[in-house]
């Protein structure tokens, strides 16, 4: 599991370096995860035992991290409580953004689902 975490952090570091070097608008960890995904896809067909072991280690580490993902929302909740006065002063703006974001997400998801299922029916 330690190897997997090291690999995940290594790709995050590579993503940070790429993001800083090319001055991308995408955050470095996202770039690193995209690079990790591309690496996993490219090595999927290879039968090397070393690659299989590393891939398994990455998946085990990712599962371990995902098990405790809900703990990452605690700082967000604390931040909201700490700035409750600011939230109360801007409640209409916040509610409007939440409503517009939710409706837009649902609408785009429905359109995308409809187009994808329509193509599969043909």
PDB file of N, CA and C in Angstrom:
ATOM      1  N   UNK A   1       0.827  -1.196   0.000  1.00  0.00           N
ATOM      2  CA  UNK A   1       0.000   0.000   0.000  1.00  0.00           C
ATOM      3  C   UNK A   1       0.870   1.257   0.000  1.00  0.00           C
ATOM      4  N   UNK A   2       2.019   1.176   0.629  1.00  0.00           N
ATOM      5  CA  UNK A   2       2.915   2.328   0.686  1.00  0.00           C
ATOM      6  C   UNK A   2       3.452   2.675  -0.701  1.00  0.00           C
ATOM      7  N   UNK A   3       3.721   1.639  -1.505  1.00  0.00           N
ATOM      8  CA  UNK A   3       4.177   1.881  -2.880  1.00  0.00           C
ATOM      9  C   UNK A   3       3.113   2.636  -3.666  1.00  0.00           C
ATOM     10  N   UNK A   4       1.869   2.218  -3.500  1.00  0.00           N
ATOM     11  CA  UNK A   4       0.768   2.858  -4.223  1.00  0.00           C
ATOM     12  C   UNK A   4       0.601   4.319  -3.848  1.00  0.00           C
ATOM     13  N   UNK A   5       0.698   4.615  -2.557  1.00  0.00           N
ATOM     14  CA  UNK A   5       0.579   6.005  -2.113  1.00  0.00           C
ATOM     15  C   UNK A   5       1.745   6.825  -2.654  1.00  0.00           C
ATOM     16  N   UNK A   6       2.944   6.234  -2.648  1.00  0.00           N
ATOM     17  CA  UNK A   6       4.103   6.929  -3.194  1.00  0.00           C
ATOM     18  C   UNK A   6       3.887   7.239  -4.675  1.00  0.00           C
ATOM     19  N   UNK A   7       3.370   6.291  -5.424  1.00  0.00           N
ATOM     20  CA  UNK A   7       3.141   6.505  -6.865  1.00  0.00           C
ATOM     21  C   UNK A   7       2.097   7.591  -7.080  1.00  0.00           C
ATOM     22  N   UNK A   8       1.025   7.556  -6.302  1.00  0.00           N
ATOM     23  CA  UNK A   8      -0.019   8.583  -6.431  1.00  0.00           C
ATOM     24  C   UNK A   8       0.563   9.962  -6.127  1.00  0.00           C
ATOM     25  N   UNK A   9       1.324  10.072  -5.047  1.00  0.00           N
ATOM     26  CA  UNK A   9       1.945  11.363  -4.710  1.00  0.00           C
ATOM     27  C   UNK A   9       2.999  11.772  -5.731  1.00  0.00           C
ATOM     28  N   UNK A  10       3.704  10.798  -6.296  1.00  0.00           N
ATOM     29  CA  UNK A  10       4.702  11.101  -7.319  1.00  0.00           C
ATOM     30  C   UNK A  10       4.028  11.702  -8.555  1.00  0.00           C
ATOM     31  N   UNK A  11       2.898  11.123  -8.959  1.00  0.00           N
ATOM     32  CA  UNK A  11       2.182  11.685 -10.109  1.00  0.00           C
ATOM     33  C   UNK A  11       1.590  13.048  -9.766  1.00  0.00           C
ATOM     34  N   UNK A  12       1.191  13.254  -8.522  1.00  0.00           N
ATOM     35  CA  UNK A  12       0.726  14.580  -8.109  1.00  0.00           C
ATOM     36  C   UNK A  12       1.864  15.584  -8.214  1.00  0.00           C
ATOM     37  N   UNK A  13       3.075  15.188  -7.807  1.00  0.00           N
ATOM     38  CA  UNK A  13       4.241  16.058  -7.928  1.00  0.00           C
ATOM     39  C   UNK A  13       4.541  16.371  -9.392  1.00  0.00           C
ATOM     40  N   UNK A  14       4.485  15.353 -10.240  1.00  0.00           N
ATOM     41  CA  UNK A  14       4.695  15.582 -11.673  1.00  0.00           C
ATOM     42  C   UNK A  14       3.646  16.553 -12.212  1.00  0.00           C
ATOM     43  N   UNK A  15       2.403  16.380 -11.782  1.00  0.00           N
ATOM     44  CA  UNK A  15       1.338  17.283 -12.212  1.00  0.00           C
ATOM     45  C   UNK A  15       1.590  18.714 -11.774  1.00  0.00           C
ATOM     46  N   UNK A  16       2.077  18.885 -10.547  1.00  0.00           N
ATOM     47  CA  UNK A  16       2.407  20.230 -10.058  1.00  0.00           C
ATOM     48  C   UNK A  16       3.522  20.853 -10.891  1.00  0.00           C
ATOM     49  N   UNK A  17       4.539  20.067 -11.208  1.00  0.00           N
ATOM     50  CA  UNK A  17       5.658  20.575 -12.005  1.00  0.00           C
ATOM     51  C   UNK A  17       5.172  20.969 -13.399  1.00  0.00           C
ATOM     52  N   UNK A  18       4.373  20.111 -14.024  1.00  0.00           N
ATOM     53  CA  UNK A  18       3.844  20.411 -15.365  1.00  0.00           C
ATOM     54  C   UNK A  18       2.969  21.656 -15.322  1.00  0.00           C
ATOM     55  N   UNK A  19       2.126  21.758 -14.298  1.00  0.00           N
ATOM     56  CA  UNK A  19       1.234  22.913 -14.181  1.00  0.00           C
ATOM     57  C   UNK A  19       2.025  24.200 -13.992  1.00  0.00           C
ATOM     58  N   UNK A  20       3.046  24.167 -13.167  1.00  0.00           N
ATOM     59  CA  UNK A  20       3.858  25.357 -12.934  1.00  0.00           C
ATOM     60  C   UNK A  20       4.693  25.719 -14.155  1.00  0.00           C
ATOM     61  N   UNK A  21       5.240  24.715 -14.839  1.00  0.00           N
ATOM     62  CA  UNK A  21       6.110  24.968 -15.977  1.00  0.00           C
ATOM     63  C   UNK A  21       5.330  25.548 -17.162  1.00  0.00           C
ATOM     64  N   UNK A  22       4.153  24.978 -17.431  1.00  0.00           N
ATOM     65  CA  UNK A  22       3.360  25.433 -18.575  1.00  0.00           C
ATOM     66  C   UNK A  22       2.314  26.480 -18.199  1.00  0.00           C
ATOM     67  N   UNK A  23       2.238  26.866 -16.931  1.00  0.00           N
ATOM     68  CA  UNK A  23       1.295  27.856 -16.410  1.00  0.00           C
ATOM     69  C   UNK A  23      -0.132  27.509 -16.865  1.00  0.00           C
ATOM     70  N   UNK A  24      -0.546  26.293 -16.515  1.00  0.00           N
ATOM     71  CA  UNK A  24      -1.879  25.820 -16.882  1.00  0.00           C
ATOM     72  C   UNK A  24      -2.916  26.320 -15.885  1.00  0.00           C
ATOM     73  N   UNK A  25      -4.143  26.428 -16.338  1.00  0.00           N
ATOM     74  CA  UNK A  25      -5.225  26.826 -15.445  1.00  0.00           C
ATOM     75  C   UNK A  25      -5.777  25.641 -14.654  1.00  0.00           C
ATOM     76  N   UNK A  26      -5.428  24.432 -15.063  1.00  0.00           N
ATOM     77  CA  UNK A  26      -5.867  23.228 -14.372  1.00  0.00           C
ATOM     78  C   UNK A  26      -4.937  23.005 -13.176  1.00  0.00           C
ATOM     79  N   UNK A  27      -5.480  22.674 -11.994  1.00  0.00           N
ATOM     80  CA  UNK A  27      -4.618  22.453 -10.828  1.00  0.00           C
ATOM     81  C   UNK A  27      -3.652  21.287 -11.044  1.00  0.00           C
ATOM     82  N   UNK A  28      -2.502  21.365 -10.419  1.00  0.00           N
ATOM     83  CA  UNK A  28      -1.475  20.353 -10.562  1.00  0.00           C
ATOM     84  C   UNK A  28      -1.913  18.947 -10.197  1.00  0.00           C
ATOM     85  N   UNK A  29      -2.630  18.751  -9.075  1.00  0.00           N
ATOM     86  CA  UNK A  29      -3.078  17.397  -8.751  1.00  0.00           C
ATOM     87  C   UNK A  29      -4.003  16.797  -9.811  1.00  0.00           C
ATOM     88  N   UNK A  30      -4.806  17.632 -10.448  1.00  0.00           N
ATOM     89  CA  UNK A  30      -5.681  17.133 -11.515  1.00  0.00           C
ATOM     90  C   UNK A  30      -4.844  16.692 -12.714  1.00  0.00           C
ATOM     91  N   UNK A  31      -3.831  17.480 -13.058  1.00  0.00           N
ATOM     92  CA  UNK A  31      -2.924  17.107 -14.143  1.00  0.00           C
ATOM     93  C   UNK A  31      -2.234  15.792 -13.801  1.00  0.00           C
ATOM     94  N   UNK A  32      -1.791  15.646 -12.556  1.00  0.00           N
ATOM     95  CA  UNK A  32      -1.149  14.419 -12.125  1.00  0.00           C
ATOM     96  C   UNK A  32      -2.071  13.220 -12.211  1.00  0.00           C
ATOM     97  N   UNK A  33      -3.326  13.383 -11.817  1.00  0.00           N
ATOM     98  CA  UNK A  33      -4.276  12.276 -11.909  1.00  0.00           C
ATOM     99  C   UNK A  33      -4.572  11.904 -13.361  1.00  0.00           C
ATOM    100  N   UNK A  34      -4.611  12.902 -14.234  1.00  0.00           N
ATOM    101  CA  UNK A  34      -4.809  12.621 -15.660  1.00  0.00           C
ATOM    102  C   UNK A  34      -3.610  11.841 -16.199  1.00  0.00           C
ATOM    103  N   UNK A  35      -2.409  12.245 -15.807  1.00  0.00           N
ATOM    104  CA  UNK A  35      -1.209  11.518 -16.232  1.00  0.00           C
ATOM    105  C   UNK A  35      -1.204  10.092 -15.673  1.00  0.00           C
ATOM    106  N   UNK A  36      -1.617   9.920 -14.414  1.00  0.00           N
ATOM    107  CA  UNK A  36      -1.701   8.589 -13.828  1.00  0.00           C
ATOM    108  C   UNK A  36      -2.726   7.733 -14.567  1.00  0.00           C
ATOM    109  N   UNK A  37      -3.865   8.316 -14.897  1.00  0.00           N
ATOM    110  CA  UNK A  37      -4.891   7.593 -15.644  1.00  0.00           C
ATOM    111  C   UNK A  37      -4.367   7.162 -17.007  1.00  0.00           C
ATOM    112  N   UNK A  38      -3.686   8.078 -17.706  1.00  0.00           N
ATOM    113  CA  UNK A  38      -3.133   7.730 -19.018  1.00  0.00           C
ATOM    114  C   UNK A  38      -2.091   6.621 -18.890  1.00  0.00           C
ATOM    115  N   UNK A  39      -1.278   6.675 -17.840  1.00  0.00           N
ATOM    116  CA  UNK A  39      -0.280   5.632 -17.616  1.00  0.00           C
ATOM    117  C   UNK A  39      -0.937   4.283 -17.357  1.00  0.00           C
ATOM    118  N   UNK A  40      -1.989   4.273 -16.528  1.00  0.00           N
ATOM    119  CA  UNK A  40      -2.686   3.021 -16.245  1.00  0.00           C
ATOM    120  C   UNK A  40      -3.360   2.457 -17.493  1.00  0.00           C
ATOM    121  N   UNK A  41      -3.911   3.330 -18.321  1.00  0.00           N
ATOM    122  CA  UNK A  41      -4.547   2.871 -19.558  1.00  0.00           C
ATOM    123  C   UNK A  41      -3.506   2.303 -20.510  1.00  0.00           C
ATOM    124  N   UNK A  42      -2.358   2.976 -20.628  1.00  0.00           N
ATOM    125  CA  UNK A  42      -1.309   2.519 -21.549  1.00  0.00           C
ATOM    126  C   UNK A  42      -0.673   1.211 -21.095  1.00  0.00           C
ATOM    127  N   UNK A  43      -0.600   0.963 -19.794  1.00  0.00           N
ATOM    128  CA  UNK A  43       0.019  -0.262 -19.299  1.00  0.00           C
ATOM    129  C   UNK A  43      -0.985  -1.371 -19.047  1.00  0.00           C
ATOM    130  N   UNK A  44      -2.227  -1.169 -19.437  1.00  0.00           N
ATOM    131  CA  UNK A  44      -3.275  -2.139 -19.142  1.00  0.00           C
ATOM    132  C   UNK A  44      -3.041  -3.473 -19.850  1.00  0.00           C
ATOM    133  N   UNK A  45      -2.570  -3.455 -21.066  1.00  0.00           N
ATOM    134  CA  UNK A  45      -2.396  -4.693 -21.811  1.00  0.00           C
ATOM    135  C   UNK A  45      -1.083  -5.401 -21.550  1.00  0.00           C
ATOM    136  N   UNK A  46      -0.164  -4.786 -20.837  1.00  0.00           N
ATOM    137  CA  UNK A  46       1.138  -5.390 -20.578  1.00  0.00           C
ATOM    138  C   UNK A  46       1.019  -6.477 -19.508  1.00  0.00           C
ATOM    139  N   UNK A  47       1.815  -7.532 -19.670  1.00  0.00           N
ATOM    140  CA  UNK A  47       1.718  -8.664 -18.754  1.00  0.00           C
ATOM    141  C   UNK A  47       2.906  -8.768 -17.812  1.00  0.00           C
ATOM    142  N   UNK A  48       3.655  -7.697 -17.661  1.00  0.00           N
ATOM    143  CA  UNK A  48       4.817  -7.707 -16.768  1.00  0.00           C
ATOM    144  C   UNK A  48       4.355  -7.848 -15.317  1.00  0.00           C
ATOM    145  N   UNK A  49       4.986  -8.747 -14.559  1.00  0.00           N
ATOM    146  CA  UNK A  49       4.584  -8.899 -13.148  1.00  0.00           C
ATOM    147  C   UNK A  49       4.819  -7.636 -12.317  1.00  0.00           C
ATOM    148  N   UNK A  50       5.863  -6.877 -12.641  1.00  0.00           N
ATOM    149  CA  UNK A  50       6.140  -5.652 -11.882  1.00  0.00           C
ATOM    150  C   UNK A  50       5.027  -4.630 -12.080  1.00  0.00           C
ATOM    151  N   UNK A  51       4.580  -4.485 -13.318  1.00  0.00           N
ATOM    152  CA  UNK A  51       3.491  -3.529 -13.599  1.00  0.00           C
ATOM    153  C   UNK A  51       2.211  -3.992 -12.923  1.00  0.00           C
ATOM    154  N   UNK A  52       1.937  -5.282 -12.948  1.00  0.00           N
ATOM    155  CA  UNK A  52       0.744  -5.810 -12.278  1.00  0.00           C
ATOM    156  C   UNK A  52       0.768  -5.561 -10.784  1.00  0.00           C
ATOM    157  N   UNK A  53       1.937  -5.737 -10.174  1.00  0.00           N
ATOM    158  CA  UNK A  53       2.077  -5.497  -8.735  1.00  0.00           C
ATOM    159  C   UNK A  53       1.871  -4.027  -8.396  1.00  0.00           C
ATOM    160  N   UNK A  54       2.470  -3.138  -9.195  1.00  0.00           N
ATOM    161  CA  UNK A  54       2.317  -1.700  -8.949  1.00  0.00           C
ATOM    162  C   UNK A  54       0.873  -1.252  -9.159  1.00  0.00           C
ATOM    163  N   UNK A  55       0.237  -1.777 -10.213  1.00  0.00           N
ATOM    164  CA  UNK A  55      -1.160  -1.425 -10.466  1.00  0.00           C
ATOM    165  C   UNK A  55      -2.047  -1.875  -9.310  1.00  0.00           C
ATOM    166  N   UNK A  56      -1.817  -3.090  -8.828  1.00  0.00           N
ATOM    167  CA  UNK A  56      -2.605  -3.600  -7.696  1.00  0.00           C
ATOM    168  C   UNK A  56      -2.373  -2.735  -6.458  1.00  0.00           C
ATOM    169  N   UNK A  57      -1.127  -2.341  -6.236  1.00  0.00           N
ATOM    170  CA  UNK A  57      -0.802  -1.487  -5.087  1.00  0.00           C
ATOM    171  C   UNK A  57      -1.494  -0.133  -5.192  1.00  0.00           C
ATOM    172  N   UNK A  58      -1.536   0.434  -6.402  1.00  0.00           N
ATOM    173  CA  UNK A  58      -2.224   1.718  -6.610  1.00  0.00           C
ATOM    174  C   UNK A  58      -3.706   1.580  -6.304  1.00  0.00           C
ATOM    175  N   UNK A  59      -4.323   0.502  -6.796  1.00  0.00           N
ATOM    176  CA  UNK A  59      -5.752   0.306  -6.553  1.00  0.00           C
ATOM    177  C   UNK A  59      -6.052   0.099  -5.067  1.00  0.00           C
ATOM    178  N   UNK A  60      -5.198  -0.646  -4.368  1.00  0.00           N
ATOM    179  CA  UNK A  60      -5.409  -0.844  -2.933  1.00  0.00           C
ATOM    180  C   UNK A  60      -5.270   0.472  -2.168  1.00  0.00           C
ATOM    181  N   UNK A  61      -4.291   1.271  -2.547  1.00  0.00           N
ATOM    182  CA  UNK A  61      -4.106   2.566  -1.886  1.00  0.00           C
ATOM    183  C   UNK A  61      -5.279   3.497  -2.162  1.00  0.00           C
ATOM    184  N   UNK A  62      -5.740   3.504  -3.403  1.00  0.00           N
ATOM    185  CA  UNK A  62      -6.882   4.355  -3.763  1.00  0.00           C
ATOM    186  C   UNK A  62      -8.129   3.934  -2.995  1.00  0.00           C
ATOM    187  N   UNK A  63      -8.345   2.624  -2.858  1.00  0.00           N
ATOM    188  CA  UNK A  63      -9.500   2.158  -2.080  1.00  0.00           C
ATOM    189  C   UNK A  63      -9.380   2.577  -0.617  1.00  0.00           C
ATOM    190  N   UNK A  64      -8.176   2.503  -0.073  1.00  0.00           N
ATOM    191  CA  UNK A  64      -7.970   2.931   1.317  1.00  0.00           C
ATOM    192  C   UNK A  64      -8.239   4.414   1.505  1.00  0.00           C
ATOM    193  N   UNK A  65      -7.810   5.215   0.548  1.00  0.00           N
ATOM    194  CA  UNK A  65      -8.051   6.662   0.619  1.00  0.00           C
ATOM    195  C   UNK A  65      -9.540   6.959   0.478  1.00  0.00           C
ATOM    196  N   UNK A  66     -10.215   6.271  -0.438  1.00  0.00           N
ATOM    197  CA  UNK A  66     -11.644   6.520  -0.658  1.00  0.00           C
ATOM    198  C   UNK A  66     -12.489   6.120   0.540  1.00  0.00           C
ATOM    199  N   UNK A  67     -12.012   5.149   1.321  1.00  0.00           N
ATOM    200  CA  UNK A  67     -12.747   4.738   2.508  1.00  0.00           C
ATOM    201  C   UNK A  67     -12.916   5.883   3.501  1.00  0.00           C
ATOM    202  N   UNK A  68     -11.928   6.780   3.541  1.00  0.00           N
ATOM    203  CA  UNK A  68     -11.947   7.883   4.497  1.00  0.00           C
ATOM    204  C   UNK A  68     -12.189   9.231   3.815  1.00  0.00           C
ATOM    205  N   UNK A  69     -12.750   9.211   2.622  1.00  0.00           N
ATOM    206  CA  UNK A  69     -12.979  10.441   1.870  1.00  0.00           C
ATOM    207  C   UNK A  69     -13.940  11.387   2.589  1.00  0.00           C
ATOM    208  N   UNK A  70     -14.914  10.839   3.283  1.00  0.00           N
ATOM    209  CA  UNK A  70     -15.890  11.700   3.969  1.00  0.00           C
ATOM    210  C   UNK A  70     -15.240  12.575   5.032  1.00  0.00           C
ATOM    211  N   UNK A  71     -14.101  12.155   5.578  1.00  0.00           N
ATOM    212  CA  UNK A  71     -13.414  12.975   6.578  1.00  0.00           C
ATOM    213  C   UNK A  71     -12.898  14.280   5.986  1.00  0.00           C
ATOM    214  N   UNK A  72     -12.701  14.315   4.683  1.00  0.00           N
ATOM    215  CA  UNK A  72     -12.207  15.527   4.045  1.00  0.00           C
ATOM    216  C   UNK A  72     -13.260  16.637   4.005  1.00  0.00           C
ATOM    217  N   UNK A  73     -14.511  16.284   4.226  1.00  0.00           N
ATOM    218  CA  UNK A  73     -15.568  17.297   4.221  1.00  0.00           C
ATOM    219  C   UNK A  73     -15.689  18.012   5.561  1.00  0.00           C
ATOM    220  N   UNK A  74     -15.063  17.503   6.598  1.00  0.00           N
ATOM    221  CA  UNK A  74     -15.133  18.137   7.918  1.00  0.00           C
ATOM    222  C   UNK A  74     -14.529  19.541   7.894  1.00  0.00           C
ATOM    223  N   UNK A  75     -13.345  19.764   7.310  1.00  0.00           N
ATOM    224  CA  UNK A  75     -12.813  21.137   7.274  1.00  0.00           C
ATOM    225  C   UNK A  75     -13.722  22.110   6.524  1.00  0.00           C
ATOM    226  N   UNK A  76     -14.405  21.625   5.504  1.00  0.00           N
ATOM    227  CA  UNK A  76     -15.324  22.494   4.765  1.00  0.00           C
ATOM    228  C   UNK A  76     -16.473  22.928   5.673  1.00  0.00           C
ATOM    229  N   UNK A  77     -17.019  21.987   6.419  1.00  0.00           N
ATOM    230  CA  UNK A  77     -18.106  22.321   7.339  1.00  0.00           C
ATOM    231  C   UNK A  77     -17.665  23.293   8.416  1.00  0.00           C
ATOM    232  N   UNK A  78     -16.451  23.099   8.934  1.00  0.00           N
ATOM    233  CA  UNK A  78     -15.918  24.016   9.947  1.00  0.00           C
ATOM    234  C   UNK A  78     -15.729  25.406   9.340  1.00  0.00           C
ATOM    235  N   UNK A  79     -15.244  25.460   8.098  1.00  0.00           N
ATOM    236  CA  UNK A  79     -15.054  26.747   7.428  1.00  0.00           C
ATOM    237  C   UNK A  79     -16.367  27.484   7.238  1.00  0.00           C
ATOM    238  N   UNK A  80     -17.421  26.751   6.918  1.00  0.00           N
ATOM    239  CA  UNK A  80     -18.732  27.387   6.759  1.00  0.00           C
ATOM    240  C   UNK A  80     -19.217  27.937   8.092  1.00  0.00           C
ATOM    241  N   UNK A  81     -19.056  27.175   9.153  1.00  0.00           N
ATOM    242  CA  UNK A  81     -19.491  27.633  10.470  1.00  0.00           C
ATOM    243  C   UNK A  81     -18.683  28.844  10.921  1.00  0.00           C
ATOM    244  N   UNK A  82     -17.376  28.867  10.603  1.00  0.00           N
ATOM    245  CA  UNK A  82     -16.539  29.995  11.011  1.00  0.00           C
ATOM    246  C   UNK A  82     -16.939  31.291  10.299  1.00  0.00           C
ATOM    247  N   UNK A  83     -17.481  31.168   9.104  1.00  0.00           N
ATOM    248  CA  UNK A  83     -17.856  32.346   8.321  1.00  0.00           C
ATOM    249  C   UNK A  83     -19.383  32.455   8.194  1.00  0.00           C
ATOM    250  N   UNK A  84     -20.074  32.064   9.243  1.00  0.00           N
ATOM    251  CA  UNK A  84     -21.534  32.071   9.229  1.00  0.00           C
ATOM    252  C   UNK A  84     -22.098  33.481   9.043  1.00  0.00           C
ATOM    253  N   UNK A  85     -21.465  34.484   9.614  1.00  0.00           N
ATOM    254  CA  UNK A  85     -21.923  35.866   9.466  1.00  0.00           C
ATOM    255  C   UNK A  85     -21.866  36.292   7.997  1.00  0.00           C
ATOM    256  N   UNK A  86     -20.780  35.954   7.324  1.00  0.00           N
ATOM    257  CA  UNK A  86     -20.645  36.274   5.888  1.00  0.00           C
ATOM    258  C   UNK A  86     -21.712  35.541   5.084  1.00  0.00           C
ATOM    259  N   UNK A  87     -21.977  34.288   5.452  1.00  0.00           N
ATOM    260  CA  UNK A  87     -22.999  33.507   4.768  1.00  0.00           C
ATOM    261  C   UNK A  87     -24.386  34.118   4.972  1.00  0.00           C
ATOM    262  N   UNK A  88     -24.665  34.572   6.182  1.00  0.00           N
ATOM    263  CA  UNK A  88     -25.963  35.188   6.453  1.00  0.00           C
ATOM    264  C   UNK A  88     -26.151  36.473   5.657  1.00  0.00           C
ATOM    265  N   UNK A  89     -25.089  37.239   5.471  1.00  0.00           N
ATOM    266  CA  UNK A  89     -25.185  38.487   4.716  1.00  0.00           C
ATOM    267  C   UNK A  89     -25.390  38.248   3.219  1.00  0.00           C
ATOM    268  N   UNK A  90     -24.983  37.092   2.732  1.00  0.00           N
ATOM    269  CA  UNK A  90     -25.066  36.804   1.295  1.00  0.00           C
ATOM    270  C   UNK A  90     -25.926  35.583   1.001  1.00  0.00           C
ATOM    271  N   UNK A  91     -26.928  35.331   1.834  1.00  0.00           N
ATOM    272  CA  UNK A  91     -27.715  34.111   1.721  1.00  0.00           C
ATOM    273  C   UNK A  91     -28.469  34.032   0.386  1.00  0.00           C
ATOM    274  N   UNK A  92     -28.968  35.156  -0.112  1.00  0.00           N
ATOM    275  CA  UNK A  92     -29.706  35.113  -1.378  1.00  0.00           C
ATOM    276  C   UNK A  92     -28.786  34.745  -2.537  1.00  0.00           C
ATOM    277  N   UNK A  93     -27.593  35.290  -2.549  1.00  0.00           N
ATOM    278  CA  UNK A  93     -26.634  34.959  -3.599  1.00  0.00           C
ATOM    279  C   UNK A  93     -26.237  33.493  -3.532  1.00  0.00           C
ATOM    280  N   UNK A  94     -25.972  33.011  -2.337  1.00  0.00           N
ATOM    281  CA  UNK A  94     -25.563  31.621  -2.165  1.00  0.00           C
ATOM    282  C   UNK A  94     -26.684  30.679  -2.585  1.00  0.00           C
ATOM    283  N   UNK A  95     -27.907  30.970  -2.164  1.00  0.00           N
ATOM    284  CA  UNK A  95     -29.043  30.119  -2.538  1.00  0.00           C
ATOM    285  C   UNK A  95     -29.273  30.137  -4.044  1.00  0.00           C
ATOM    286  N   UNK A  96     -29.121  31.301  -4.665  1.00  0.00           N
ATOM    287  CA  UNK A  96     -29.295  31.391  -6.118  1.00  0.00           C
ATOM    288  C   UNK A  96     -28.236  30.566  -6.835  1.00  0.00           C
ATOM    289  N   UNK A  97     -27.010  30.639  -6.386  1.00  0.00           N
ATOM    290  CA  UNK A  97     -25.935  29.865  -7.007  1.00  0.00           C
ATOM    291  C   UNK A  97     -26.175  28.371  -6.831  1.00  0.00           C
ATOM    292  N   UNK A  98     -26.596  27.960  -5.650  1.00  0.00           N
ATOM    293  CA  UNK A  98     -26.884  26.545  -5.407  1.00  0.00           C
ATOM    294  C   UNK A  98     -28.018  26.073  -6.304  1.00  0.00           C
ATOM    295  N   UNK A  99     -29.081  26.864  -6.404  1.00  0.00           N
ATOM    296  CA  UNK A  99     -30.229  26.492  -7.231  1.00  0.00           C
ATOM    297  C   UNK A  99     -29.848  26.426  -8.706  1.00  0.00           C
ATOM    298  N   UNK A 100     -29.168  27.446  -9.201  1.00  0.00           N
ATOM    299  CA  UNK A 100     -28.774  27.473 -10.618  1.00  0.00           C
ATOM    300  C   UNK A 100     -27.809  26.332 -10.920  1.00  0.00           C
ATOM    301  N   UNK A 101     -26.844  26.092 -10.029  1.00  0.00           N
ATOM    302  CA  UNK A 101     -25.887  25.007 -10.238  1.00  0.00           C
ATOM    303  C   UNK A 101     -26.553  23.645 -10.257  1.00  0.00           C
ATOM    304  N   UNK A 102     -27.498  23.427  -9.349  1.00  0.00           N
ATOM    305  CA  UNK A 102     -28.201  22.148  -9.290  1.00  0.00           C
ATOM    306  C   UNK A 102     -29.047  21.925 -10.536  1.00  0.00           C
ATOM    307  N   UNK A 103     -29.818  22.927 -10.918  1.00  0.00           N
ATOM    308  CA  UNK A 103     -30.679  22.794 -12.102  1.00  0.00           C
ATOM    309  C   UNK A 103     -29.838  22.602 -13.365  1.00  0.00           C
ATOM    310  N   UNK A 104     -28.752  23.343 -13.483  1.00  0.00           N
ATOM    311  CA  UNK A 104     -27.877  23.197 -14.651  1.00  0.00           C
ATOM    312  C   UNK A 104     -27.248  21.814 -14.694  1.00  0.00           C
ATOM    313  N   UNK A 105     -26.771  21.324 -13.558  1.00  0.00           N
ATOM    314  CA  UNK A 105     -26.170  19.988 -13.513  1.00  0.00           C
ATOM    315  C   UNK A 105     -27.179  18.909 -13.887  1.00  0.00           C
ATOM    316  N   UNK A 106     -28.371  19.003 -13.333  1.00  0.00           N
ATOM    317  CA  UNK A 106     -29.402  18.029 -13.663  1.00  0.00           C
ATOM    318  C   UNK A 106     -29.779  18.083 -15.143  1.00  0.00           C
ATOM    319  N   UNK A 107     -29.910  19.288 -15.665  1.00  0.00           N
ATOM    320  CA  UNK A 107     -30.273  19.440 -17.074  1.00  0.00           C
ATOM    321  C   UNK A 107     -29.202  18.899 -18.003  1.00  0.00           C
ATOM    322  N   UNK A 108     -27.956  19.248 -17.747  1.00  0.00           N
ATOM    323  CA  UNK A 108     -26.873  18.755 -18.601  1.00  0.00           C
ATOM    324  C   UNK A 108     -26.702  17.250 -18.488  1.00  0.00           C
ATOM    325  N   UNK A 109     -26.894  16.717 -17.297  1.00  0.00           N
ATOM    326  CA  UNK A 109     -26.815  15.266 -17.120  1.00  0.00           C
ATOM    327  C   UNK A 109     -27.927  14.572 -17.892  1.00  0.00           C
ATOM    328  N   UNK A 110     -29.130  15.121 -17.859  1.00  0.00           N
ATOM    329  CA  UNK A 110     -30.249  14.522 -18.591  1.00  0.00           C
ATOM    330  C   UNK A 110     -30.015  14.572 -20.097  1.00  0.00           C
ATOM    331  N   UNK A 111     -29.521  15.698 -20.591  1.00  0.00           N
ATOM    332  CA  UNK A 111     -29.248  15.822 -22.035  1.00  0.00           C
ATOM    333  C   UNK A 111     -28.157  14.850 -22.452  1.00  0.00           C
ATOM    334  N   UNK A 112     -27.101  14.767 -21.678  1.00  0.00           N
ATOM    335  CA  UNK A 112     -26.006  13.856 -21.990  1.00  0.00           C
ATOM    336  C   UNK A 112     -26.472  12.407 -21.945  1.00  0.00           C
ATOM    337  N   UNK A 113     -27.241  12.054 -20.943  1.00  0.00           N
ATOM    338  CA  UNK A 113     -27.770  10.694 -20.836  1.00  0.00           C
ATOM    339  C   UNK A 113     -28.656  10.365 -22.030  1.00  0.00           C
ATOM    340  N   UNK A 114     -29.507  11.302 -22.407  1.00  0.00           N
ATOM    341  CA  UNK A 114     -30.406  11.070 -23.537  1.00  0.00           C
ATOM    342  C   UNK A 114     -29.622  10.867 -24.831  1.00  0.00           C
ATOM    343  N   UNK A 115     -28.604  11.675 -25.059  1.00  0.00           N
ATOM    344  CA  UNK A 115     -27.794  11.535 -26.286  1.00  0.00           C
ATOM    345  C   UNK A 115     -27.003  10.248 -26.289  1.00  0.00           C
ATOM    346  N   UNK A 116     -26.463   9.861 -25.152  1.00  0.00           N
ATOM    347  CA  UNK A 116     -25.692   8.632 -25.100  1.00  0.00           C
ATOM    348  C   UNK A 116     -26.563   7.395 -25.282  1.00  0.00           C
ATOM    349  N   UNK A 117     -27.757   7.405 -24.702  1.00  0.00           N
ATOM    350  CA  UNK A 117     -28.630   6.253 -24.857  1.00  0.00           C
ATOM    351  C   UNK A 117     -29.260   6.217 -26.245  1.00  0.00           C
ATOM    352  N   UNK A 118     -29.466   7.372 -26.860  1.00  0.00           N
ATOM    353  CA  UNK A 118     -30.012   7.426 -28.205  1.00  0.00           C
ATOM    354  C   UNK A 118     -29.030   6.800 -29.191  1.00  0.00           C
ATOM    355  N   UNK A 119     -27.719   7.071 -29.009  1.00  0.00           N
ATOM    356  CA  UNK A 119     -26.701   6.506 -29.892  1.00  0.00           C
ATOM    357  C   UNK A 119     -26.575   5.004 -29.721  1.00  0.00           C
ATOM    358  N   UNK A 120     -26.834   4.488 -28.525  1.00  0.00           N
ATOM    359  CA  UNK A 120     -26.749   3.055 -28.286  1.00  0.00           C
ATOM    360  C   UNK A 120     -27.928   2.309 -28.875  1.00  0.00           C
ATOM    361  N   UNK A 121     -29.081   2.974 -29.027  1.00  0.00           N
ATOM    362  CA  UNK A 121     -30.261   2.321 -29.577  1.00  0.00           C
ATOM    363  C   UNK A 121     -30.145   2.091 -31.065  1.00  0.00           C
ATOM    364  N   UNK A 122     -29.338   2.905 -31.757  1.00  0.00           N
ATOM    365  CA  UNK A 122     -29.230   2.795 -33.217  1.00  0.00           C
ATOM    366  C   UNK A 122     -28.445   1.615 -33.665  1.00  0.00           C
TER     367      UNK A 122
END
